[in-house]
Amino acid sequence: MTQMTSSDVPSMGRRQFMNLLTFGSATGVALGALYPVSQYFTPLRAAGGGGGTSAKDELGNPVTASGWLEKHPAGDRSLVQGLKGDPTYLIVDGDSVIGSFGLNAICTHLGCVVPWNSGANKFICPCHGSQYDSNGKVVRGPAPLSLALTNVGIEEDNVFISQWTETDFRTGEKPWWT
């Protein structure tokens, strides 16, 4: 039998290298899996300086102000895809101008989409009868709160929707949805 010397024993460097290689591989896989999840929870930003997200029509195409105003008369309230994909009403003001605010169409009672009733000049929820005026302020329950507001901006004919952070002009209070 031959006697082992200290030079015949594998060094700890190899073991450390294998541990590092295993740890690095596992970390790479974990980060690769977490990146799409983090992007899902990060709010979208528009390419323009005003921020927000581009309003989309029923087919998912970006809404342009000129195209919208050709098809929608004054006083019209029609749905677009807004923040987080929520249905949002764009309001056409009297002089063929898109209003500076939009309304999130989700009822504050149970989350139904609230349709605009042009005959009654108000939003009426089909689920439990909540009613909102033309600016989305609750006028009849059981909904406890008014519809959420959004800012609407136009940059180079593209319509953008962003979070409303100002005082709610309907109630004079801070927005409940921020």
N, C-alpha and C. Protein backbone atom coordinates (compact mmCIF):
# COMPACT_ATOMS: atom_id res chain seq x y z
N MET A 1 0.82 -1.18 0.00
CA MET A 1 0.00 0.00 0.00
C MET A 1 0.86 1.23 0.00
N THR A 2 0.33 2.18 -0.73
CA THR A 2 1.05 3.45 -0.76
C THR A 2 0.46 4.38 0.27
N GLN A 3 1.30 5.18 0.76
CA GLN A 3 0.88 6.11 1.78
C GLN A 3 0.45 7.42 1.12
N MET A 4 -0.70 8.00 1.60
CA MET A 4 -1.20 9.25 1.02
C MET A 4 -0.49 10.43 1.66
N THR A 5 -0.20 11.36 0.83
CA THR A 5 0.41 12.59 1.32
C THR A 5 -0.59 13.72 1.18
N SER A 6 -0.23 14.82 1.73
CA SER A 6 -1.13 15.97 1.68
C SER A 6 -1.37 16.45 0.26
N SER A 7 -0.47 16.15 -0.67
CA SER A 7 -0.66 16.60 -2.04
C SER A 7 -1.66 15.73 -2.79
N ASP A 8 -1.99 14.53 -2.26
CA ASP A 8 -2.95 13.65 -2.92
C ASP A 8 -4.41 13.97 -2.56
N VAL A 9 -4.67 14.75 -1.54
CA VAL A 9 -6.02 15.09 -1.11
C VAL A 9 -6.52 16.26 -1.96
N PRO A 10 -7.75 16.14 -2.51
CA PRO A 10 -8.26 17.25 -3.33
C PRO A 10 -8.37 18.53 -2.50
N SER A 11 -8.06 19.62 -3.12
CA SER A 11 -8.10 20.90 -2.41
C SER A 11 -9.55 21.37 -2.26
N MET A 12 -9.77 22.20 -1.30
CA MET A 12 -11.10 22.78 -1.08
C MET A 12 -11.50 23.68 -2.23
N GLY A 13 -10.57 24.13 -3.03
CA GLY A 13 -10.86 25.01 -4.16
C GLY A 13 -11.84 24.38 -5.13
N ARG A 14 -11.70 23.10 -5.39
CA ARG A 14 -12.61 22.42 -6.31
C ARG A 14 -14.02 22.35 -5.73
N ARG A 15 -14.12 22.02 -4.48
CA ARG A 15 -15.42 21.93 -3.83
C ARG A 15 -16.08 23.31 -3.81
N GLN A 16 -15.33 24.33 -3.48
CA GLN A 16 -15.87 25.68 -3.48
C GLN A 16 -16.31 26.10 -4.88
N PHE A 17 -15.51 25.72 -5.88
CA PHE A 17 -15.87 26.04 -7.26
C PHE A 17 -17.19 25.37 -7.65
N MET A 18 -17.37 24.11 -7.30
CA MET A 18 -18.60 23.40 -7.62
C MET A 18 -19.80 24.00 -6.88
N ASN A 19 -19.61 24.39 -5.62
CA ASN A 19 -20.68 25.05 -4.87
C ASN A 19 -21.05 26.38 -5.51
N LEU A 20 -20.05 27.13 -5.91
CA LEU A 20 -20.28 28.42 -6.56
C LEU A 20 -21.01 28.21 -7.89
N LEU A 21 -20.61 27.23 -8.66
CA LEU A 21 -21.24 26.94 -9.94
C LEU A 21 -22.71 26.54 -9.73
N THR A 22 -23.00 25.73 -8.75
CA THR A 22 -24.38 25.31 -8.46
C THR A 22 -25.21 26.51 -7.99
N PHE A 23 -24.66 27.29 -7.07
CA PHE A 23 -25.37 28.48 -6.57
C PHE A 23 -25.63 29.47 -7.70
N GLY A 24 -24.65 29.70 -8.55
CA GLY A 24 -24.81 30.64 -9.67
C GLY A 24 -25.87 30.17 -10.65
N SER A 25 -25.90 28.89 -10.94
CA SER A 25 -26.91 28.35 -11.86
C SER A 25 -28.31 28.51 -11.27
N ALA A 26 -28.46 28.16 -10.00
CA ALA A 26 -29.77 28.28 -9.36
C ALA A 26 -30.23 29.73 -9.29
N THR A 27 -29.30 30.64 -9.00
CA THR A 27 -29.63 32.06 -8.94
C THR A 27 -30.05 32.57 -10.31
N GLY A 28 -29.35 32.18 -11.36
CA GLY A 28 -29.69 32.60 -12.71
C GLY A 28 -31.08 32.15 -13.12
N VAL A 29 -31.42 30.92 -12.80
CA VAL A 29 -32.75 30.40 -13.12
C VAL A 29 -33.82 31.17 -12.33
N ALA A 30 -33.58 31.42 -11.05
CA ALA A 30 -34.56 32.14 -10.22
C ALA A 30 -34.77 33.56 -10.74
N LEU A 31 -33.69 34.26 -11.07
CA LEU A 31 -33.82 35.62 -11.58
C LEU A 31 -34.53 35.63 -12.93
N GLY A 32 -34.23 34.64 -13.75
CA GLY A 32 -34.90 34.54 -15.04
C GLY A 32 -36.40 34.33 -14.90
N ALA A 33 -36.81 33.63 -13.87
CA ALA A 33 -38.23 33.40 -13.63
C ALA A 33 -38.89 34.60 -12.98
N LEU A 34 -38.18 35.34 -12.15
CA LEU A 34 -38.76 36.48 -11.45
C LEU A 34 -38.86 37.74 -12.30
N TYR A 35 -38.04 37.88 -13.33
CA TYR A 35 -38.06 39.08 -14.16
C TYR A 35 -39.44 39.33 -14.79
N PRO A 36 -40.04 38.34 -15.46
CA PRO A 36 -41.36 38.60 -16.04
C PRO A 36 -42.43 38.91 -14.99
N VAL A 37 -42.31 38.31 -13.82
CA VAL A 37 -43.26 38.58 -12.75
C VAL A 37 -43.13 40.03 -12.30
N SER A 38 -41.91 40.51 -12.15
CA SER A 38 -41.72 41.91 -11.73
C SER A 38 -42.20 42.87 -12.81
N GLN A 39 -42.04 42.53 -14.09
CA GLN A 39 -42.52 43.39 -15.16
C GLN A 39 -44.05 43.45 -15.19
N TYR A 40 -44.68 42.36 -14.80
CA TYR A 40 -46.14 42.33 -14.77
C TYR A 40 -46.67 43.33 -13.74
N PHE A 41 -46.00 43.46 -12.61
CA PHE A 41 -46.47 44.35 -11.55
C PHE A 41 -45.96 45.78 -11.69
N THR A 42 -45.13 46.06 -12.67
CA THR A 42 -44.63 47.41 -12.89
C THR A 42 -45.60 48.14 -13.82
N PRO A 43 -46.07 49.34 -13.45
CA PRO A 43 -47.01 50.06 -14.30
C PRO A 43 -46.39 50.40 -15.65
N LEU A 44 -47.25 50.39 -16.68
CA LEU A 44 -46.79 50.75 -18.01
C LEU A 44 -46.51 52.23 -18.09
N ARG A 45 -45.57 52.60 -18.92
CA ARG A 45 -45.26 54.00 -19.16
C ARG A 45 -45.33 54.26 -20.65
N ALA A 46 -45.92 55.37 -21.01
CA ALA A 46 -45.97 55.74 -22.41
C ALA A 46 -44.63 56.28 -22.84
N ALA A 47 -44.41 56.29 -24.14
CA ALA A 47 -43.14 56.77 -24.67
C ALA A 47 -43.01 58.28 -24.54
N GLY A 48 -44.16 58.98 -24.50
CA GLY A 48 -44.12 60.43 -24.42
C GLY A 48 -43.73 60.91 -23.04
N GLY A 49 -43.51 62.22 -22.94
CA GLY A 49 -43.08 62.80 -21.68
C GLY A 49 -44.19 62.89 -20.65
N GLY A 50 -45.48 62.83 -21.09
CA GLY A 50 -46.59 63.00 -20.18
C GLY A 50 -46.88 61.78 -19.34
N GLY A 51 -46.37 60.65 -19.73
CA GLY A 51 -46.59 59.44 -18.96
C GLY A 51 -47.96 58.85 -19.22
N GLY A 52 -48.31 57.85 -18.47
CA GLY A 52 -49.59 57.20 -18.63
C GLY A 52 -49.49 56.04 -19.60
N THR A 53 -50.65 55.58 -20.02
CA THR A 53 -50.72 54.48 -20.97
C THR A 53 -51.58 54.91 -22.14
N SER A 54 -51.29 54.37 -23.28
CA SER A 54 -52.04 54.69 -24.48
C SER A 54 -53.43 54.09 -24.39
N ALA A 55 -54.46 54.89 -24.66
CA ALA A 55 -55.83 54.38 -24.70
C ALA A 55 -55.97 53.46 -25.90
N LYS A 56 -56.67 52.34 -25.72
CA LYS A 56 -56.85 51.37 -26.80
C LYS A 56 -58.33 51.21 -27.10
N ASP A 57 -58.66 50.98 -28.38
CA ASP A 57 -60.05 50.74 -28.76
C ASP A 57 -60.43 49.29 -28.52
N GLU A 58 -61.62 48.89 -28.97
CA GLU A 58 -62.11 47.54 -28.71
C GLU A 58 -61.27 46.46 -29.39
N LEU A 59 -60.50 46.82 -30.41
CA LEU A 59 -59.64 45.86 -31.09
C LEU A 59 -58.21 45.87 -30.55
N GLY A 60 -57.93 46.75 -29.58
CA GLY A 60 -56.59 46.83 -29.00
C GLY A 60 -55.68 47.79 -29.73
N ASN A 61 -56.22 48.59 -30.65
CA ASN A 61 -55.41 49.57 -31.39
C ASN A 61 -55.36 50.88 -30.62
N PRO A 62 -54.24 51.59 -30.69
CA PRO A 62 -54.15 52.89 -30.00
C PRO A 62 -55.20 53.87 -30.54
N VAL A 63 -55.78 54.64 -29.64
CA VAL A 63 -56.80 55.62 -30.00
C VAL A 63 -56.11 56.93 -30.37
N THR A 64 -56.52 57.50 -31.51
CA THR A 64 -56.04 58.84 -31.89
C THR A 64 -57.18 59.82 -31.68
N ALA A 65 -56.84 61.04 -31.33
CA ALA A 65 -57.85 62.06 -31.06
C ALA A 65 -58.66 62.35 -32.32
N SER A 66 -58.01 62.51 -33.45
CA SER A 66 -58.73 62.83 -34.69
C SER A 66 -59.67 61.70 -35.09
N GLY A 67 -59.20 60.45 -35.00
CA GLY A 67 -60.04 59.31 -35.34
C GLY A 67 -61.21 59.17 -34.39
N TRP A 68 -60.99 59.42 -33.11
CA TRP A 68 -62.05 59.30 -32.11
C TRP A 68 -63.13 60.35 -32.35
N LEU A 69 -62.69 61.60 -32.62
CA LEU A 69 -63.65 62.69 -32.79
C LEU A 69 -64.45 62.57 -34.08
N GLU A 70 -63.91 61.86 -35.09
CA GLU A 70 -64.67 61.62 -36.33
C GLU A 70 -65.88 60.74 -36.07
N LYS A 71 -65.74 59.79 -35.16
CA LYS A 71 -66.77 58.78 -34.93
C LYS A 71 -67.68 59.08 -33.74
N HIS A 72 -67.29 60.01 -32.86
CA HIS A 72 -68.04 60.25 -31.63
C HIS A 72 -68.45 61.71 -31.55
N PRO A 73 -69.77 61.98 -31.47
CA PRO A 73 -70.26 63.36 -31.41
C PRO A 73 -70.08 63.98 -30.02
N ALA A 74 -70.38 65.25 -29.93
CA ALA A 74 -70.30 65.97 -28.65
C ALA A 74 -71.20 65.32 -27.62
N GLY A 75 -70.73 65.21 -26.40
CA GLY A 75 -71.48 64.62 -25.31
C GLY A 75 -71.36 63.10 -25.23
N ASP A 76 -70.66 62.49 -26.17
CA ASP A 76 -70.52 61.04 -26.21
C ASP A 76 -69.63 60.55 -25.07
N ARG A 77 -70.01 59.41 -24.54
CA ARG A 77 -69.21 58.72 -23.52
C ARG A 77 -69.08 57.28 -24.00
N SER A 78 -67.89 56.94 -24.49
CA SER A 78 -67.64 55.60 -25.01
C SER A 78 -66.42 55.01 -24.34
N LEU A 79 -66.39 53.66 -24.31
CA LEU A 79 -65.34 52.95 -23.60
C LEU A 79 -64.08 52.75 -24.42
N VAL A 80 -62.95 52.86 -23.73
CA VAL A 80 -61.64 52.48 -24.25
C VAL A 80 -60.97 51.62 -23.17
N GLN A 81 -59.88 51.00 -23.55
CA GLN A 81 -59.09 50.25 -22.56
C GLN A 81 -58.13 51.24 -21.93
N GLY A 82 -58.22 51.39 -20.62
CA GLY A 82 -57.41 52.39 -19.93
C GLY A 82 -56.34 51.78 -19.05
N LEU A 83 -56.11 52.39 -17.89
CA LEU A 83 -55.09 51.93 -16.95
C LEU A 83 -55.38 50.51 -16.51
N LYS A 84 -54.34 49.69 -16.46
CA LYS A 84 -54.44 48.29 -16.04
C LYS A 84 -55.44 47.50 -16.87
N GLY A 85 -55.77 47.99 -18.05
CA GLY A 85 -56.73 47.31 -18.91
C GLY A 85 -58.18 47.54 -18.53
N ASP A 86 -58.43 48.39 -17.53
CA ASP A 86 -59.80 48.66 -17.09
C ASP A 86 -60.58 49.42 -18.16
N PRO A 87 -61.89 49.13 -18.29
CA PRO A 87 -62.70 49.92 -19.21
C PRO A 87 -62.82 51.35 -18.68
N THR A 88 -62.57 52.31 -19.56
CA THR A 88 -62.56 53.71 -19.17
C THR A 88 -63.34 54.52 -20.18
N TYR A 89 -64.20 55.42 -19.70
CA TYR A 89 -64.98 56.27 -20.59
C TYR A 89 -64.18 57.49 -21.00
N LEU A 90 -64.09 57.72 -22.33
CA LEU A 90 -63.60 58.98 -22.86
C LEU A 90 -64.82 59.86 -23.09
N ILE A 91 -64.73 61.11 -22.70
CA ILE A 91 -65.85 62.03 -22.80
C ILE A 91 -65.54 63.06 -23.87
N VAL A 92 -66.45 63.22 -24.83
CA VAL A 92 -66.28 64.24 -25.88
C VAL A 92 -67.03 65.48 -25.43
N ASP A 93 -66.27 66.58 -25.25
CA ASP A 93 -66.88 67.84 -24.84
C ASP A 93 -67.56 68.50 -26.04
N GLY A 94 -68.27 69.56 -25.78
CA GLY A 94 -69.10 70.22 -26.79
C GLY A 94 -68.45 70.59 -28.10
N ASP A 95 -67.24 71.11 -28.10
CA ASP A 95 -66.63 71.62 -29.33
C ASP A 95 -65.69 70.61 -29.96
N SER A 96 -66.13 69.36 -30.08
CA SER A 96 -65.31 68.29 -30.67
C SER A 96 -63.93 68.22 -30.04
N VAL A 97 -63.92 68.20 -28.71
CA VAL A 97 -62.69 68.10 -27.94
C VAL A 97 -62.86 66.96 -26.95
N ILE A 98 -61.83 66.12 -26.84
CA ILE A 98 -61.87 65.07 -25.84
C ILE A 98 -61.61 65.70 -24.48
N GLY A 99 -62.44 65.36 -23.50
CA GLY A 99 -62.33 65.94 -22.17
C GLY A 99 -61.00 65.64 -21.50
N SER A 100 -60.66 66.44 -20.50
CA SER A 100 -59.37 66.29 -19.81
C SER A 100 -59.39 65.19 -18.76
N PHE A 101 -60.58 64.62 -18.52
CA PHE A 101 -60.67 63.51 -17.57
C PHE A 101 -61.51 62.39 -18.18
N GLY A 102 -61.24 61.18 -17.71
CA GLY A 102 -62.03 60.02 -18.09
C GLY A 102 -62.57 59.38 -16.82
N LEU A 103 -63.45 58.41 -17.01
CA LEU A 103 -64.07 57.72 -15.87
C LEU A 103 -63.83 56.23 -15.98
N ASN A 104 -63.31 55.65 -14.91
CA ASN A 104 -63.18 54.20 -14.84
C ASN A 104 -64.59 53.63 -14.75
N ALA A 105 -64.93 52.68 -15.62
CA ALA A 105 -66.30 52.18 -15.74
C ALA A 105 -66.64 51.07 -14.75
N ILE A 106 -65.77 50.80 -13.78
CA ILE A 106 -66.02 49.73 -12.82
C ILE A 106 -66.83 50.26 -11.65
N CYS A 107 -68.00 49.66 -11.42
CA CYS A 107 -68.88 50.06 -10.32
C CYS A 107 -68.16 49.86 -8.99
N THR A 108 -68.33 50.80 -8.10
CA THR A 108 -67.66 50.74 -6.79
C THR A 108 -68.41 49.84 -5.80
N HIS A 109 -69.51 49.25 -6.21
CA HIS A 109 -70.25 48.35 -5.34
C HIS A 109 -69.73 46.92 -5.48
N LEU A 110 -69.91 46.33 -6.68
CA LEU A 110 -69.50 44.94 -6.87
C LEU A 110 -68.59 44.73 -8.09
N GLY A 111 -68.15 45.78 -8.73
CA GLY A 111 -67.19 45.63 -9.82
C GLY A 111 -67.79 45.37 -11.18
N CYS A 112 -69.07 45.61 -11.38
CA CYS A 112 -69.68 45.46 -12.70
C CYS A 112 -69.23 46.62 -13.59
N VAL A 113 -69.30 46.42 -14.90
CA VAL A 113 -69.05 47.53 -15.83
C VAL A 113 -70.35 48.32 -15.94
N VAL A 114 -70.26 49.61 -15.68
CA VAL A 114 -71.43 50.48 -15.65
C VAL A 114 -71.63 51.12 -17.02
N PRO A 115 -72.75 50.82 -17.70
CA PRO A 115 -72.99 51.42 -19.01
C PRO A 115 -73.55 52.85 -18.90
N TRP A 116 -73.28 53.64 -19.94
CA TRP A 116 -73.81 55.00 -20.03
C TRP A 116 -75.22 54.91 -20.61
N ASN A 117 -76.18 55.55 -19.96
CA ASN A 117 -77.55 55.61 -20.44
C ASN A 117 -77.78 57.03 -20.93
N SER A 118 -77.71 57.23 -22.26
CA SER A 118 -77.81 58.58 -22.80
C SER A 118 -79.22 59.16 -22.62
N GLY A 119 -80.26 58.30 -22.61
CA GLY A 119 -81.63 58.79 -22.40
C GLY A 119 -81.82 59.39 -21.03
N ALA A 120 -81.24 58.76 -20.01
CA ALA A 120 -81.35 59.26 -18.64
C ALA A 120 -80.22 60.22 -18.29
N ASN A 121 -79.24 60.34 -19.17
CA ASN A 121 -78.06 61.19 -18.98
C ASN A 121 -77.30 60.83 -17.70
N LYS A 122 -77.15 59.51 -17.47
CA LYS A 122 -76.38 59.06 -16.32
C LYS A 122 -75.92 57.62 -16.55
N PHE A 123 -75.01 57.18 -15.71
CA PHE A 123 -74.53 55.81 -15.73
C PHE A 123 -75.41 55.01 -14.78
N ILE A 124 -75.92 53.85 -15.25
CA ILE A 124 -76.78 53.02 -14.42
C ILE A 124 -76.21 51.61 -14.41
N CYS A 125 -75.86 51.13 -13.22
CA CYS A 125 -75.28 49.80 -13.07
C CYS A 125 -76.36 48.73 -13.21
N PRO A 126 -76.14 47.74 -14.08
CA PRO A 126 -77.16 46.71 -14.28
C PRO A 126 -77.22 45.68 -13.14
N CYS A 127 -76.21 45.63 -12.29
CA CYS A 127 -76.17 44.60 -11.24
C CYS A 127 -77.13 44.90 -10.09
N HIS A 128 -77.02 46.07 -9.51
CA HIS A 128 -77.85 46.39 -8.35
C HIS A 128 -78.43 47.80 -8.40
N GLY A 129 -78.40 48.43 -9.55
CA GLY A 129 -79.10 49.70 -9.73
C GLY A 129 -78.39 50.95 -9.27
N SER A 130 -77.10 50.88 -8.95
CA SER A 130 -76.39 52.10 -8.57
C SER A 130 -76.42 53.07 -9.75
N GLN A 131 -76.48 54.37 -9.43
CA GLN A 131 -76.53 55.38 -10.48
C GLN A 131 -75.48 56.44 -10.22
N TYR A 132 -74.90 56.92 -11.33
CA TYR A 132 -73.86 57.95 -11.28
C TYR A 132 -74.25 59.05 -12.27
N ASP A 133 -73.96 60.31 -11.92
CA ASP A 133 -74.27 61.40 -12.85
C ASP A 133 -73.31 61.39 -14.03
N SER A 134 -73.42 62.37 -14.90
CA SER A 134 -72.62 62.41 -16.13
C SER A 134 -71.13 62.54 -15.87
N ASN A 135 -70.74 62.97 -14.67
CA ASN A 135 -69.33 63.06 -14.29
C ASN A 135 -68.88 61.90 -13.41
N GLY A 136 -69.75 60.90 -13.22
CA GLY A 136 -69.39 59.72 -12.45
C GLY A 136 -69.59 59.82 -10.95
N LYS A 137 -70.23 60.89 -10.48
CA LYS A 137 -70.49 61.03 -9.03
C LYS A 137 -71.69 60.17 -8.68
N VAL A 138 -71.56 59.37 -7.62
CA VAL A 138 -72.66 58.49 -7.22
C VAL A 138 -73.84 59.34 -6.76
N VAL A 139 -75.04 59.03 -7.31
CA VAL A 139 -76.26 59.75 -6.92
C VAL A 139 -77.28 58.82 -6.30
N ARG A 140 -77.08 57.48 -6.48
CA ARG A 140 -77.98 56.51 -5.87
C ARG A 140 -77.22 55.21 -5.64
N GLY A 141 -77.33 54.68 -4.43
CA GLY A 141 -76.60 53.46 -4.05
C GLY A 141 -77.25 52.22 -4.59
N PRO A 142 -76.67 51.11 -4.23
CA PRO A 142 -75.83 50.81 -3.07
C PRO A 142 -74.34 51.13 -3.24
N ALA A 143 -73.91 51.62 -4.40
CA ALA A 143 -72.48 51.95 -4.56
C ALA A 143 -72.09 53.01 -3.54
N PRO A 144 -70.98 52.77 -2.81
CA PRO A 144 -70.59 53.70 -1.75
C PRO A 144 -69.78 54.91 -2.24
N LEU A 145 -69.15 54.77 -3.42
CA LEU A 145 -68.23 55.80 -3.89
C LEU A 145 -68.48 56.14 -5.35
N SER A 146 -68.01 57.30 -5.76
CA SER A 146 -68.10 57.71 -7.15
C SER A 146 -67.13 56.90 -8.00
N LEU A 147 -67.34 56.93 -9.33
CA LEU A 147 -66.42 56.25 -10.24
C LEU A 147 -65.06 56.93 -10.19
N ALA A 148 -64.01 56.15 -10.33
CA ALA A 148 -62.65 56.69 -10.28
C ALA A 148 -62.38 57.55 -11.51
N LEU A 149 -61.66 58.65 -11.29
CA LEU A 149 -61.27 59.55 -12.37
C LEU A 149 -59.91 59.17 -12.93
N THR A 150 -59.67 59.48 -14.18
CA THR A 150 -58.36 59.35 -14.80
C THR A 150 -58.06 60.63 -15.56
N ASN A 151 -56.79 60.99 -15.67
CA ASN A 151 -56.39 62.10 -16.51
C ASN A 151 -56.34 61.63 -17.95
N VAL A 152 -56.79 62.47 -18.86
CA VAL A 152 -56.72 62.18 -20.29
C VAL A 152 -55.89 63.27 -20.93
N GLY A 153 -54.86 62.86 -21.66
CA GLY A 153 -53.99 63.81 -22.35
C GLY A 153 -53.80 63.39 -23.79
N ILE A 154 -53.48 64.37 -24.62
CA ILE A 154 -53.25 64.10 -26.04
C ILE A 154 -51.87 64.62 -26.40
N GLU A 155 -51.05 63.71 -26.95
CA GLU A 155 -49.71 64.06 -27.42
C GLU A 155 -49.56 63.57 -28.84
N GLU A 156 -49.32 64.50 -29.76
CA GLU A 156 -49.15 64.16 -31.17
C GLU A 156 -50.30 63.30 -31.67
N ASP A 157 -51.53 63.68 -31.35
CA ASP A 157 -52.78 63.04 -31.76
C ASP A 157 -53.04 61.71 -31.06
N ASN A 158 -52.14 61.23 -30.21
CA ASN A 158 -52.36 59.99 -29.46
C ASN A 158 -53.00 60.31 -28.12
N VAL A 159 -53.98 59.50 -27.73
CA VAL A 159 -54.69 59.71 -26.47
C VAL A 159 -54.03 58.86 -25.38
N PHE A 160 -53.64 59.51 -24.29
CA PHE A 160 -53.01 58.83 -23.16
C PHE A 160 -53.87 58.98 -21.91
N ILE A 161 -53.89 57.93 -21.11
CA ILE A 161 -54.62 57.95 -19.85
C ILE A 161 -53.62 57.73 -18.72
N SER A 162 -53.72 58.57 -17.68
CA SER A 162 -52.81 58.44 -16.55
C SER A 162 -53.60 58.54 -15.24
N GLN A 163 -52.93 58.16 -14.16
CA GLN A 163 -53.55 58.14 -12.83
C GLN A 163 -53.96 59.54 -12.40
N TRP A 164 -55.15 59.67 -11.85
CA TRP A 164 -55.64 60.93 -11.29
C TRP A 164 -55.16 61.03 -9.85
N THR A 165 -54.38 62.06 -9.55
CA THR A 165 -53.85 62.23 -8.20
C THR A 165 -54.33 63.54 -7.55
N GLU A 166 -54.97 64.39 -8.33
CA GLU A 166 -55.45 65.67 -7.81
C GLU A 166 -56.70 65.46 -6.95
N THR A 167 -57.18 66.54 -6.36
CA THR A 167 -58.43 66.51 -5.59
C THR A 167 -59.58 66.15 -6.52
N ASP A 168 -60.49 65.33 -6.04
CA ASP A 168 -61.68 64.96 -6.80
C ASP A 168 -62.58 66.19 -6.89
N PHE A 169 -62.75 66.75 -8.09
CA PHE A 169 -63.52 67.98 -8.25
C PHE A 169 -65.00 67.78 -7.95
N ARG A 170 -65.46 66.53 -7.93
CA ARG A 170 -66.88 66.26 -7.67
C ARG A 170 -67.20 66.33 -6.18
N THR A 171 -66.24 65.98 -5.35
CA THR A 171 -66.47 65.94 -3.91
C THR A 171 -65.61 66.92 -3.13
N GLY A 172 -64.52 67.40 -3.74
CA GLY A 172 -63.60 68.28 -3.04
C GLY A 172 -62.66 67.54 -2.10
N GLU A 173 -62.62 66.21 -2.20
CA GLU A 173 -61.79 65.40 -1.32
C GLU A 173 -60.65 64.74 -2.09
N LYS A 174 -59.73 64.13 -1.32
CA LYS A 174 -58.64 63.39 -1.94
C LYS A 174 -59.23 62.17 -2.64
N PRO A 175 -58.64 61.74 -3.76
CA PRO A 175 -59.19 60.57 -4.45
C PRO A 175 -59.09 59.31 -3.61
N TRP A 176 -60.15 58.53 -3.58
CA TRP A 176 -60.17 57.29 -2.81
C TRP A 176 -59.40 56.17 -3.51
N TRP A 177 -59.18 56.27 -4.81
CA TRP A 177 -58.60 55.18 -5.61
C TRP A 177 -57.09 55.23 -5.71
N THR A 178 -56.43 56.20 -5.08
CA THR A 178 -54.96 56.25 -5.15
C THR A 178 -54.35 55.63 -3.92
